[in-house]
């Protein structure tokens, strides 16, 4: 006849260890907590959002970021949301914020990177991160804010509150969208004209004066001060009475000659309008010199 063994009492040491593990799990990963936790997201299963504000990425900046990530690791997770064709077995992700880091990870050949699932408003999250990192050019920034206002049905005041900006700043940014699209695209993307210069340019009411300033911008000669002086000159011209000659000093000719020498040194490509203006200037100078010679002879 066999004797049944009494079950062993739980080890007090293992019991304490199990309790510690349970407490650690409860404190470290709290179900229903307000904070999302990072996880390893597959780079190949992640794709950029086609609606994200930023459209251009400099290869050099991505390369430098890759070098930093290779040396220091990924210091900031990317934000992702589940893609529409995602499944439990084969999850796919759309980038909400952090496309530059994702591109750098691809450049490094990483299979996975740190991500956080984001279930908030993706447009606001993406725009905020790009604005905070100063990744958008003025045209992209204005277009993104305008789209956000349109899609959300917001006022400029509501957009300003959501983006942490003043209403005046949002209004100024949106003002540059009144410039012709082809002009804005060239000045903002190719010429990298500063946002405040584009805002001032958009505020010029006189079409002829604006076109003159746009040509200056294309030649790399445009500054905010020049735009404001140009606007002031336009106002003075419109207020000038017929037959009244504006005060003129030959010191301005010296300044113009210096600026023209800078243009010549930079080998700036002249438009037909530029050539016409220079020819008119040369003709006036020749006539003034001829007149002075006749009077002195």
C-alpha atoms as a PDB file:
ATOM      1  CA  UNK A   1       0.000   0.000   0.000  1.00  0.00           C
ATOM      2  CA  UNK A   2       1.494   3.280  -1.105  1.00  0.00           C
ATOM      3  CA  UNK A   3       1.360   6.397   1.008  1.00  0.00           C
ATOM      4  CA  UNK A   4       0.301   9.623  -0.667  1.00  0.00           C
ATOM      5  CA  UNK A   5       2.806  12.429  -0.258  1.00  0.00           C
ATOM      6  CA  UNK A   6       1.559  15.665   1.096  1.00  0.00           C
ATOM      7  CA  UNK A   7       1.940  18.536  -1.396  1.00  0.00           C
ATOM      8  CA  UNK A   8       4.925  20.744  -0.640  1.00  0.00           C
ATOM      9  CA  UNK A   9       4.209  24.139   0.743  1.00  0.00           C
ATOM     10  CA  UNK A  10       5.133  26.974  -1.619  1.00  0.00           C
ATOM     11  CA  UNK A  11       8.662  28.194  -1.188  1.00  0.00           C
ATOM     12  CA  UNK A  12       8.632  31.481   0.707  1.00  0.00           C
ATOM     13  CA  UNK A  13      11.534  32.730  -1.442  1.00  0.00           C
ATOM     14  CA  UNK A  14       9.753  31.964  -4.730  1.00  0.00           C
ATOM     15  CA  UNK A  15       6.586  33.494  -3.343  1.00  0.00           C
ATOM     16  CA  UNK A  16       8.343  36.743  -2.562  1.00  0.00           C
ATOM     17  CA  UNK A  17      10.040  36.732  -5.989  1.00  0.00           C
ATOM     18  CA  UNK A  18       6.708  36.128  -7.752  1.00  0.00           C
ATOM     19  CA  UNK A  19       5.183  39.016  -5.846  1.00  0.00           C
ATOM     20  CA  UNK A  20       8.009  41.317  -6.805  1.00  0.00           C
ATOM     21  CA  UNK A  21       7.671  40.379 -10.463  1.00  0.00           C
ATOM     22  CA  UNK A  22       3.918  40.955 -10.325  1.00  0.00           C
ATOM     23  CA  UNK A  23       4.372  44.345  -8.679  1.00  0.00           C
ATOM     24  CA  UNK A  24       7.017  45.304 -11.221  1.00  0.00           C
ATOM     25  CA  UNK A  25       4.760  44.317 -14.089  1.00  0.00           C
ATOM     26  CA  UNK A  26       1.845  46.266 -12.678  1.00  0.00           C
ATOM     27  CA  UNK A  27       3.976  49.351 -12.163  1.00  0.00           C
ATOM     28  CA  UNK A  28       5.917  49.160 -15.440  1.00  0.00           C
ATOM     29  CA  UNK A  29       3.122  48.289 -17.884  1.00  0.00           C
ATOM     30  CA  UNK A  30      -0.135  49.568 -16.511  1.00  0.00           C
ATOM     31  CA  UNK A  31      -3.197  48.449 -18.412  1.00  0.00           C
ATOM     32  CA  UNK A  32      -5.295  51.397 -19.512  1.00  0.00           C
ATOM     33  CA  UNK A  33      -2.582  53.884 -18.534  1.00  0.00           C
ATOM     34  CA  UNK A  34      -2.433  57.285 -20.156  1.00  0.00           C
ATOM     35  CA  UNK A  35       1.081  56.703 -21.562  1.00  0.00           C
ATOM     36  CA  UNK A  36       1.805  54.493 -24.570  1.00  0.00           C
ATOM     37  CA  UNK A  37       4.885  52.284 -24.453  1.00  0.00           C
ATOM     38  CA  UNK A  38       7.482  51.749 -27.131  1.00  0.00           C
ATOM     39  CA  UNK A  39       7.722  48.561 -29.145  1.00  0.00           C
ATOM     40  CA  UNK A  40       9.880  47.323 -32.008  1.00  0.00           C
ATOM     41  CA  UNK A  41       8.207  48.113 -35.290  1.00  0.00           C
ATOM     42  CA  UNK A  42       9.438  46.456 -38.480  1.00  0.00           C
ATOM     43  CA  UNK A  43      10.961  48.974 -40.844  1.00  0.00           C
ATOM     44  CA  UNK A  44       9.767  47.040 -43.896  1.00  0.00           C
ATOM     45  CA  UNK A  45       6.184  46.996 -42.596  1.00  0.00           C
ATOM     46  CA  UNK A  46       6.154  50.742 -42.050  1.00  0.00           C
ATOM     47  CA  UNK A  47       5.443  53.370 -44.709  1.00  0.00           C
ATOM     48  CA  UNK A  48       5.220  57.190 -44.841  1.00  0.00           C
ATOM     49  CA  UNK A  49       1.870  58.921 -44.786  1.00  0.00           C
ATOM     50  CA  UNK A  50       1.141  60.247 -48.305  1.00  0.00           C
ATOM     51  CA  UNK A  51      -0.752  63.159 -46.722  1.00  0.00           C
ATOM     52  CA  UNK A  52       2.050  64.268 -44.442  1.00  0.00           C
ATOM     53  CA  UNK A  53       3.037  67.978 -44.769  1.00  0.00           C
ATOM     54  CA  UNK A  54       6.695  67.542 -45.589  1.00  0.00           C
ATOM     55  CA  UNK A  55       7.406  66.485 -49.160  1.00  0.00           C
ATOM     56  CA  UNK A  56      11.149  67.048 -49.594  1.00  0.00           C
ATOM     57  CA  UNK A  57      14.052  65.487 -47.678  1.00  0.00           C
ATOM     58  CA  UNK A  58      17.690  66.443 -48.098  1.00  0.00           C
ATOM     59  CA  UNK A  59      19.857  63.361 -48.562  1.00  0.00           C
ATOM     60  CA  UNK A  60      22.727  64.986 -46.678  1.00  0.00           C
ATOM     61  CA  UNK A  61      20.607  65.605 -43.580  1.00  0.00           C
ATOM     62  CA  UNK A  62      19.322  62.004 -43.654  1.00  0.00           C
ATOM     63  CA  UNK A  63      22.909  60.729 -43.931  1.00  0.00           C
ATOM     64  CA  UNK A  64      23.999  62.815 -40.945  1.00  0.00           C
ATOM     65  CA  UNK A  65      21.021  61.609 -38.926  1.00  0.00           C
ATOM     66  CA  UNK A  66      21.891  58.004 -39.838  1.00  0.00           C
ATOM     67  CA  UNK A  67      25.438  58.548 -38.601  1.00  0.00           C
ATOM     68  CA  UNK A  68      24.107  59.880 -35.296  1.00  0.00           C
ATOM     69  CA  UNK A  69      21.661  57.006 -34.893  1.00  0.00           C
ATOM     70  CA  UNK A  70      24.394  54.502 -35.722  1.00  0.00           C
ATOM     71  CA  UNK A  71      26.637  55.961 -33.029  1.00  0.00           C
ATOM     72  CA  UNK A  72      24.093  56.860 -30.346  1.00  0.00           C
ATOM     73  CA  UNK A  73      21.120  54.617 -31.152  1.00  0.00           C
ATOM     74  CA  UNK A  74      17.547  55.777 -31.733  1.00  0.00           C
ATOM     75  CA  UNK A  75      16.992  58.360 -29.036  1.00  0.00           C
ATOM     76  CA  UNK A  76      13.387  59.182 -29.950  1.00  0.00           C
ATOM     77  CA  UNK A  77      10.712  56.693 -31.089  1.00  0.00           C
ATOM     78  CA  UNK A  78       8.625  57.349 -34.170  1.00  0.00           C
ATOM     79  CA  UNK A  79       4.853  57.722 -33.929  1.00  0.00           C
ATOM     80  CA  UNK A  80       2.832  55.232 -35.979  1.00  0.00           C
ATOM     81  CA  UNK A  81      -0.782  54.260 -36.516  1.00  0.00           C
ATOM     82  CA  UNK A  82      -2.160  51.010 -37.870  1.00  0.00           C
ATOM     83  CA  UNK A  83      -2.497  50.979 -41.637  1.00  0.00           C
ATOM     84  CA  UNK A  84      -5.862  50.205 -43.183  1.00  0.00           C
ATOM     85  CA  UNK A  85      -4.617  46.874 -44.599  1.00  0.00           C
ATOM     86  CA  UNK A  86      -3.013  45.851 -41.300  1.00  0.00           C
ATOM     87  CA  UNK A  87      -3.924  42.473 -39.773  1.00  0.00           C
ATOM     88  CA  UNK A  88      -3.199  40.879 -36.431  1.00  0.00           C
ATOM     89  CA  UNK A  89      -0.919  38.341 -38.109  1.00  0.00           C
ATOM     90  CA  UNK A  90       0.796  40.832 -40.406  1.00  0.00           C
ATOM     91  CA  UNK A  91       0.654  44.276 -38.789  1.00  0.00           C
ATOM     92  CA  UNK A  92       1.421  47.258 -40.989  1.00  0.00           C
ATOM     93  CA  UNK A  93       2.037  50.797 -39.871  1.00  0.00           C
ATOM     94  CA  UNK A  94       1.757  54.324 -41.232  1.00  0.00           C
ATOM     95  CA  UNK A  95       4.149  56.955 -39.937  1.00  0.00           C
ATOM     96  CA  UNK A  96       2.488  59.792 -38.055  1.00  0.00           C
ATOM     97  CA  UNK A  97       5.733  61.530 -37.107  1.00  0.00           C
ATOM     98  CA  UNK A  98       9.386  60.630 -37.540  1.00  0.00           C
ATOM     99  CA  UNK A  99       9.825  59.917 -41.250  1.00  0.00           C
ATOM    100  CA  UNK A 100      13.393  61.266 -41.197  1.00  0.00           C
ATOM    101  CA  UNK A 101      14.320  58.704 -38.505  1.00  0.00           C
ATOM    102  CA  UNK A 102      12.624  55.944 -40.512  1.00  0.00           C
ATOM    103  CA  UNK A 103      14.575  56.921 -43.637  1.00  0.00           C
ATOM    104  CA  UNK A 104      17.795  56.949 -41.621  1.00  0.00           C
ATOM    105  CA  UNK A 105      16.998  53.483 -40.228  1.00  0.00           C
ATOM    106  CA  UNK A 106      16.444  52.197 -43.775  1.00  0.00           C
ATOM    107  CA  UNK A 107      19.771  53.716 -44.809  1.00  0.00           C
ATOM    108  CA  UNK A 108      21.450  51.854 -41.945  1.00  0.00           C
ATOM    109  CA  UNK A 109      19.788  48.586 -42.942  1.00  0.00           C
ATOM    110  CA  UNK A 110      17.922  48.214 -39.645  1.00  0.00           C
ATOM    111  CA  UNK A 111      15.182  45.599 -39.566  1.00  0.00           C
ATOM    112  CA  UNK A 112      13.326  47.166 -36.634  1.00  0.00           C
ATOM    113  CA  UNK A 113      13.196  50.465 -34.804  1.00  0.00           C
ATOM    114  CA  UNK A 114      11.413  51.895 -31.781  1.00  0.00           C
ATOM    115  CA  UNK A 115       7.858  53.073 -32.314  1.00  0.00           C
ATOM    116  CA  UNK A 116       4.854  54.238 -30.313  1.00  0.00           C
ATOM    117  CA  UNK A 117       1.320  53.612 -31.502  1.00  0.00           C
ATOM    118  CA  UNK A 118      -0.570  56.872 -31.773  1.00  0.00           C
ATOM    119  CA  UNK A 119      -4.357  56.937 -31.887  1.00  0.00           C
ATOM    120  CA  UNK A 120      -4.843  60.706 -31.641  1.00  0.00           C
ATOM    121  CA  UNK A 121      -5.253  63.182 -34.473  1.00  0.00           C
ATOM    122  CA  UNK A 122      -2.492  62.266 -36.965  1.00  0.00           C
ATOM    123  CA  UNK A 123      -2.564  65.592 -38.854  1.00  0.00           C
ATOM    124  CA  UNK A 124      -1.974  67.630 -35.704  1.00  0.00           C
ATOM    125  CA  UNK A 125       0.709  65.261 -34.398  1.00  0.00           C
ATOM    126  CA  UNK A 126       2.593  65.231 -37.706  1.00  0.00           C
ATOM    127  CA  UNK A 127       2.385  68.977 -38.191  1.00  0.00           C
ATOM    128  CA  UNK A 128       3.406  69.744 -34.619  1.00  0.00           C
ATOM    129  CA  UNK A 129       6.497  67.562 -34.786  1.00  0.00           C
ATOM    130  CA  UNK A 130       7.569  69.030 -38.114  1.00  0.00           C
ATOM    131  CA  UNK A 131       7.026  72.579 -36.872  1.00  0.00           C
ATOM    132  CA  UNK A 132       8.924  71.913 -33.646  1.00  0.00           C
ATOM    133  CA  UNK A 133      11.849  70.430 -35.591  1.00  0.00           C
ATOM    134  CA  UNK A 134      11.715  73.265 -38.180  1.00  0.00           C
ATOM    135  CA  UNK A 135      11.528  70.680 -40.959  1.00  0.00           C
ATOM    136  CA  UNK A 136       9.039  72.458 -43.204  1.00  0.00           C
ATOM    137  CA  UNK A 137       9.793  75.177 -45.711  1.00  0.00           C
ATOM    138  CA  UNK A 138       7.385  78.173 -45.621  1.00  0.00           C
ATOM    139  CA  UNK A 139       5.200  76.864 -48.443  1.00  0.00           C
ATOM    140  CA  UNK A 140       4.822  73.407 -46.844  1.00  0.00           C
ATOM    141  CA  UNK A 141       4.077  74.992 -43.463  1.00  0.00           C
ATOM    142  CA  UNK A 142       1.411  77.327 -44.861  1.00  0.00           C
ATOM    143  CA  UNK A 143      -0.165  74.564 -46.966  1.00  0.00           C
ATOM    144  CA  UNK A 144      -0.287  72.184 -43.994  1.00  0.00           C
ATOM    145  CA  UNK A 145      -1.913  74.767 -41.696  1.00  0.00           C
ATOM    146  CA  UNK A 146      -4.403  75.737 -44.413  1.00  0.00           C
ATOM    147  CA  UNK A 147      -5.327  72.064 -44.961  1.00  0.00           C
ATOM    148  CA  UNK A 148      -5.673  71.527 -41.216  1.00  0.00           C
ATOM    149  CA  UNK A 149      -8.047  74.497 -40.921  1.00  0.00           C
ATOM    150  CA  UNK A 150     -10.099  73.303 -43.899  1.00  0.00           C
ATOM    151  CA  UNK A 151     -10.345  69.672 -42.796  1.00  0.00           C
ATOM    152  CA  UNK A 152     -11.135  70.463 -39.171  1.00  0.00           C
ATOM    153  CA  UNK A 153     -13.423  73.397 -39.934  1.00  0.00           C
ATOM    154  CA  UNK A 154     -11.331  75.520 -37.589  1.00  0.00           C
ATOM    155  CA  UNK A 155     -10.908  79.243 -37.352  1.00  0.00           C
ATOM    156  CA  UNK A 156      -7.431  80.742 -37.431  1.00  0.00           C
ATOM    157  CA  UNK A 157      -7.738  81.302 -33.674  1.00  0.00           C
ATOM    158  CA  UNK A 158      -8.458  77.591 -33.052  1.00  0.00           C
ATOM    159  CA  UNK A 159      -5.539  76.578 -35.262  1.00  0.00           C
ATOM    160  CA  UNK A 160      -3.249  78.987 -33.429  1.00  0.00           C
ATOM    161  CA  UNK A 161      -4.252  77.493 -30.051  1.00  0.00           C
ATOM    162  CA  UNK A 162      -3.707  73.914 -31.268  1.00  0.00           C
ATOM    163  CA  UNK A 163      -0.283  74.741 -32.749  1.00  0.00           C
ATOM    164  CA  UNK A 164       0.905  76.929 -29.900  1.00  0.00           C
ATOM    165  CA  UNK A 165       1.157  80.041 -32.087  1.00  0.00           C
ATOM    166  CA  UNK A 166      -0.431  83.463 -32.012  1.00  0.00           C
ATOM    167  CA  UNK A 167      -3.335  84.202 -34.334  1.00  0.00           C
ATOM    168  CA  UNK A 168      -1.279  86.955 -35.976  1.00  0.00           C
ATOM    169  CA  UNK A 169       1.508  84.471 -36.755  1.00  0.00           C
ATOM    170  CA  UNK A 170      -0.912  81.964 -38.289  1.00  0.00           C
ATOM    171  CA  UNK A 171      -2.516  84.731 -40.341  1.00  0.00           C
ATOM    172  CA  UNK A 172       0.905  85.871 -41.584  1.00  0.00           C
ATOM    173  CA  UNK A 173       1.938  82.326 -42.542  1.00  0.00           C
ATOM    174  CA  UNK A 174      -1.277  81.791 -44.508  1.00  0.00           C
ATOM    175  CA  UNK A 175      -0.767  85.114 -46.294  1.00  0.00           C
ATOM    176  CA  UNK A 176       2.054  83.690 -48.416  1.00  0.00           C
ATOM    177  CA  UNK A 177      -0.431  81.351 -50.125  1.00  0.00           C
ATOM    178  CA  UNK A 178      -1.765  84.424 -51.953  1.00  0.00           C
ATOM    179  CA  UNK A 179       1.431  84.458 -54.021  1.00  0.00           C
ATOM    180  CA  UNK A 180       1.186  82.675 -57.398  1.00  0.00           C
ATOM    181  CA  UNK A 181       1.801  78.928 -56.790  1.00  0.00           C
ATOM    182  CA  UNK A 182       4.624  78.652 -59.340  1.00  0.00           C
ATOM    183  CA  UNK A 183       6.369  81.697 -57.847  1.00  0.00           C
ATOM    184  CA  UNK A 184       5.915  80.477 -54.282  1.00  0.00           C
ATOM    185  CA  UNK A 185       7.206  77.020 -55.181  1.00  0.00           C
ATOM    186  CA  UNK A 186      10.385  78.461 -56.695  1.00  0.00           C
ATOM    187  CA  UNK A 187      11.057  81.010 -53.964  1.00  0.00           C
ATOM    188  CA  UNK A 188      10.292  78.715 -51.021  1.00  0.00           C
ATOM    189  CA  UNK A 189      11.749  75.428 -52.285  1.00  0.00           C
ATOM    190  CA  UNK A 190      14.487  76.313 -54.764  1.00  0.00           C
ATOM    191  CA  UNK A 191      15.583  79.756 -53.555  1.00  0.00           C
ATOM    192  CA  UNK A 192      14.918  79.067 -49.854  1.00  0.00           C
ATOM    193  CA  UNK A 193      13.585  82.589 -49.260  1.00  0.00           C
ATOM    194  CA  UNK A 194      12.868  83.161 -45.561  1.00  0.00           C
ATOM    195  CA  UNK A 195       9.274  83.015 -44.371  1.00  0.00           C
ATOM    196  CA  UNK A 196       9.184  86.626 -43.139  1.00  0.00           C
ATOM    197  CA  UNK A 197      10.403  87.825 -46.556  1.00  0.00           C
ATOM    198  CA  UNK A 198       7.658  85.852 -48.307  1.00  0.00           C
ATOM    199  CA  UNK A 199       5.055  87.279 -45.926  1.00  0.00           C
ATOM    200  CA  UNK A 200       6.185  90.829 -46.685  1.00  0.00           C
ATOM    201  CA  UNK A 201       6.221  90.053 -50.398  1.00  0.00           C
ATOM    202  CA  UNK A 202       2.651  88.753 -50.238  1.00  0.00           C
ATOM    203  CA  UNK A 203       1.554  91.995 -48.588  1.00  0.00           C
ATOM    204  CA  UNK A 204       2.663  94.118 -51.548  1.00  0.00           C
ATOM    205  CA  UNK A 205      -0.529  95.262 -53.270  1.00  0.00           C
ATOM    206  CA  UNK A 206       0.877  96.812 -56.451  1.00  0.00           C
ATOM    207  CA  UNK A 207       1.289  93.965 -59.019  1.00  0.00           C
ATOM    208  CA  UNK A 208       4.105  95.727 -60.896  1.00  0.00           C
ATOM    209  CA  UNK A 209       5.993  96.442 -57.691  1.00  0.00           C
ATOM    210  CA  UNK A 210       5.489  92.849 -56.556  1.00  0.00           C
ATOM    211  CA  UNK A 211       6.815  91.495 -59.872  1.00  0.00           C
ATOM    212  CA  UNK A 212       9.922  93.668 -59.529  1.00  0.00           C
ATOM    213  CA  UNK A 213      10.540  92.321 -56.030  1.00  0.00           C
ATOM    214  CA  UNK A 214       9.961  88.747 -57.214  1.00  0.00           C
ATOM    215  CA  UNK A 215      12.670  89.222 -59.852  1.00  0.00           C
ATOM    216  CA  UNK A 216      14.991  90.512 -57.117  1.00  0.00           C
ATOM    217  CA  UNK A 217      14.215  87.405 -55.065  1.00  0.00           C
ATOM    218  CA  UNK A 218      15.087  85.148 -57.997  1.00  0.00           C
ATOM    219  CA  UNK A 219      18.456  86.885 -58.347  1.00  0.00           C
ATOM    220  CA  UNK A 220      19.182  86.495 -54.629  1.00  0.00           C
ATOM    221  CA  UNK A 221      18.998  90.227 -53.886  1.00  0.00           C
ATOM    222  CA  UNK A 222      15.782  90.326 -51.872  1.00  0.00           C
ATOM    223  CA  UNK A 223      15.620  91.248 -48.176  1.00  0.00           C
ATOM    224  CA  UNK A 224      12.757  92.195 -45.871  1.00  0.00           C
ATOM    225  CA  UNK A 225      14.140  95.736 -45.718  1.00  0.00           C
ATOM    226  CA  UNK A 226      14.178  95.960 -49.513  1.00  0.00           C
ATOM    227  CA  UNK A 227      10.557  94.802 -49.692  1.00  0.00           C
ATOM    228  CA  UNK A 228       9.424  97.360 -47.122  1.00  0.00           C
ATOM    229  CA  UNK A 229      11.314 100.136 -48.899  1.00  0.00           C
ATOM    230  CA  UNK A 230       9.800  98.954 -52.174  1.00  0.00           C
ATOM    231  CA  UNK A 231       6.305  99.130 -50.684  1.00  0.00           C
ATOM    232  CA  UNK A 232       7.053 102.606 -49.380  1.00  0.00           C
ATOM    233  CA  UNK A 233       8.333 103.728 -52.779  1.00  0.00           C
ATOM    234  CA  UNK A 234       5.157 102.406 -54.364  1.00  0.00           C
ATOM    235  CA  UNK A 235       3.036 104.446 -51.966  1.00  0.00           C
ATOM    236  CA  UNK A 236       5.112 107.553 -52.638  1.00  0.00           C
ATOM    237  CA  UNK A 237       4.830 107.029 -56.385  1.00  0.00           C
ATOM    238  CA  UNK A 238       1.042 106.763 -56.204  1.00  0.00           C
ATOM    239  CA  UNK A 239       0.827 109.903 -54.042  1.00  0.00           C
ATOM    240  CA  UNK A 240       3.241 111.912 -56.178  1.00  0.00           C
ATOM    241  CA  UNK A 241       1.566 114.771 -57.998  1.00  0.00           C
ATOM    242  CA  UNK A 242       1.928 115.000 -61.816  1.00  0.00           C
ATOM    243  CA  UNK A 243       4.878 117.088 -62.891  1.00  0.00           C
ATOM    244  CA  UNK A 244       6.500 117.038 -59.472  1.00  0.00           C
ATOM    245  CA  UNK A 245      10.055 115.643 -59.504  1.00  0.00           C
ATOM    246  CA  UNK A 246      11.158 113.459 -56.588  1.00  0.00           C
ATOM    247  CA  UNK A 247      14.285 114.503 -54.722  1.00  0.00           C
ATOM    248  CA  UNK A 248      17.327 112.807 -56.222  1.00  0.00           C
ATOM    249  CA  UNK A 249      20.975 112.569 -55.169  1.00  0.00           C
ATOM    250  CA  UNK A 250      23.843 111.006 -57.078  1.00  0.00           C
ATOM    251  CA  UNK A 251      24.769 109.094 -53.935  1.00  0.00           C
ATOM    252  CA  UNK A 252      22.034 106.628 -54.880  1.00  0.00           C
ATOM    253  CA  UNK A 253      23.813 106.079 -58.200  1.00  0.00           C
ATOM    254  CA  UNK A 254      26.942 105.061 -56.335  1.00  0.00           C
ATOM    255  CA  UNK A 255      24.942 102.561 -54.288  1.00  0.00           C
ATOM    256  CA  UNK A 256      23.310 101.214 -57.428  1.00  0.00           C
ATOM    257  CA  UNK A 257      26.690 100.828 -59.119  1.00  0.00           C
ATOM    258  CA  UNK A 258      27.961  98.859 -56.129  1.00  0.00           C
ATOM    259  CA  UNK A 259      24.926  96.560 -56.182  1.00  0.00           C
ATOM    260  CA  UNK A 260      25.241  96.033 -59.930  1.00  0.00           C
ATOM    261  CA  UNK A 261      28.902  95.088 -59.483  1.00  0.00           C
ATOM    262  CA  UNK A 262      27.790  92.437 -56.976  1.00  0.00           C
ATOM    263  CA  UNK A 263      25.249  91.112 -59.481  1.00  0.00           C
ATOM    264  CA  UNK A 264      27.947  90.966 -62.167  1.00  0.00           C
ATOM    265  CA  UNK A 265      30.349  89.152 -59.837  1.00  0.00           C
ATOM    266  CA  UNK A 266      27.683  86.534 -59.078  1.00  0.00           C
ATOM    267  CA  UNK A 267      27.067  85.858 -62.801  1.00  0.00           C
ATOM    268  CA  UNK A 268      23.312  86.231 -62.307  1.00  0.00           C
ATOM    269  CA  UNK A 269      21.189  85.077 -65.247  1.00  0.00           C
ATOM    270  CA  UNK A 270      19.285  88.075 -66.622  1.00  0.00           C
ATOM    271  CA  UNK A 271      15.678  87.865 -67.684  1.00  0.00           C
ATOM    272  CA  UNK A 272      14.364  89.825 -70.646  1.00  0.00           C
ATOM    273  CA  UNK A 273      12.847  92.295 -68.199  1.00  0.00           C
ATOM    274  CA  UNK A 274      16.231  92.723 -66.479  1.00  0.00           C
ATOM    275  CA  UNK A 275      17.941  93.395 -69.832  1.00  0.00           C
ATOM    276  CA  UNK A 276      15.321  95.957 -70.794  1.00  0.00           C
ATOM    277  CA  UNK A 277      15.730  97.813 -67.503  1.00  0.00           C
ATOM    278  CA  UNK A 278      19.516  97.874 -67.771  1.00  0.00           C
ATOM    279  CA  UNK A 279      19.321  99.134 -71.342  1.00  0.00           C
ATOM    280  CA  UNK A 280      16.947 101.909 -70.247  1.00  0.00           C
ATOM    281  CA  UNK A 281      19.326 102.814 -67.421  1.00  0.00           C
ATOM    282  CA  UNK A 282      22.314 102.899 -69.780  1.00  0.00           C
ATOM    283  CA  UNK A 283      20.419 105.088 -72.259  1.00  0.00           C
ATOM    284  CA  UNK A 284      19.467 107.588 -69.535  1.00  0.00           C
ATOM    285  CA  UNK A 285      23.041 107.740 -68.233  1.00  0.00           C
ATOM    286  CA  UNK A 286      24.411 108.283 -71.752  1.00  0.00           C
ATOM    287  CA  UNK A 287      21.953 111.125 -72.373  1.00  0.00           C
ATOM    288  CA  UNK A 288      22.788 112.822 -69.053  1.00  0.00           C
ATOM    289  CA  UNK A 289      26.526 112.631 -69.804  1.00  0.00           C
ATOM    290  CA  UNK A 290      26.049 113.950 -73.353  1.00  0.00           C
ATOM    291  CA  UNK A 291      23.934 116.816 -72.069  1.00  0.00           C
ATOM    292  CA  UNK A 292      26.564 117.708 -69.460  1.00  0.00           C
ATOM    293  CA  UNK A 293      29.314 117.681 -72.112  1.00  0.00           C
ATOM    294  CA  UNK A 294      27.261 119.958 -74.412  1.00  0.00           C
ATOM    295  CA  UNK A 295      26.672 122.430 -71.596  1.00  0.00           C
ATOM    296  CA  UNK A 296      30.387 122.530 -70.667  1.00  0.00           C
ATOM    297  CA  UNK A 297      31.671 122.885 -74.221  1.00  0.00           C
END
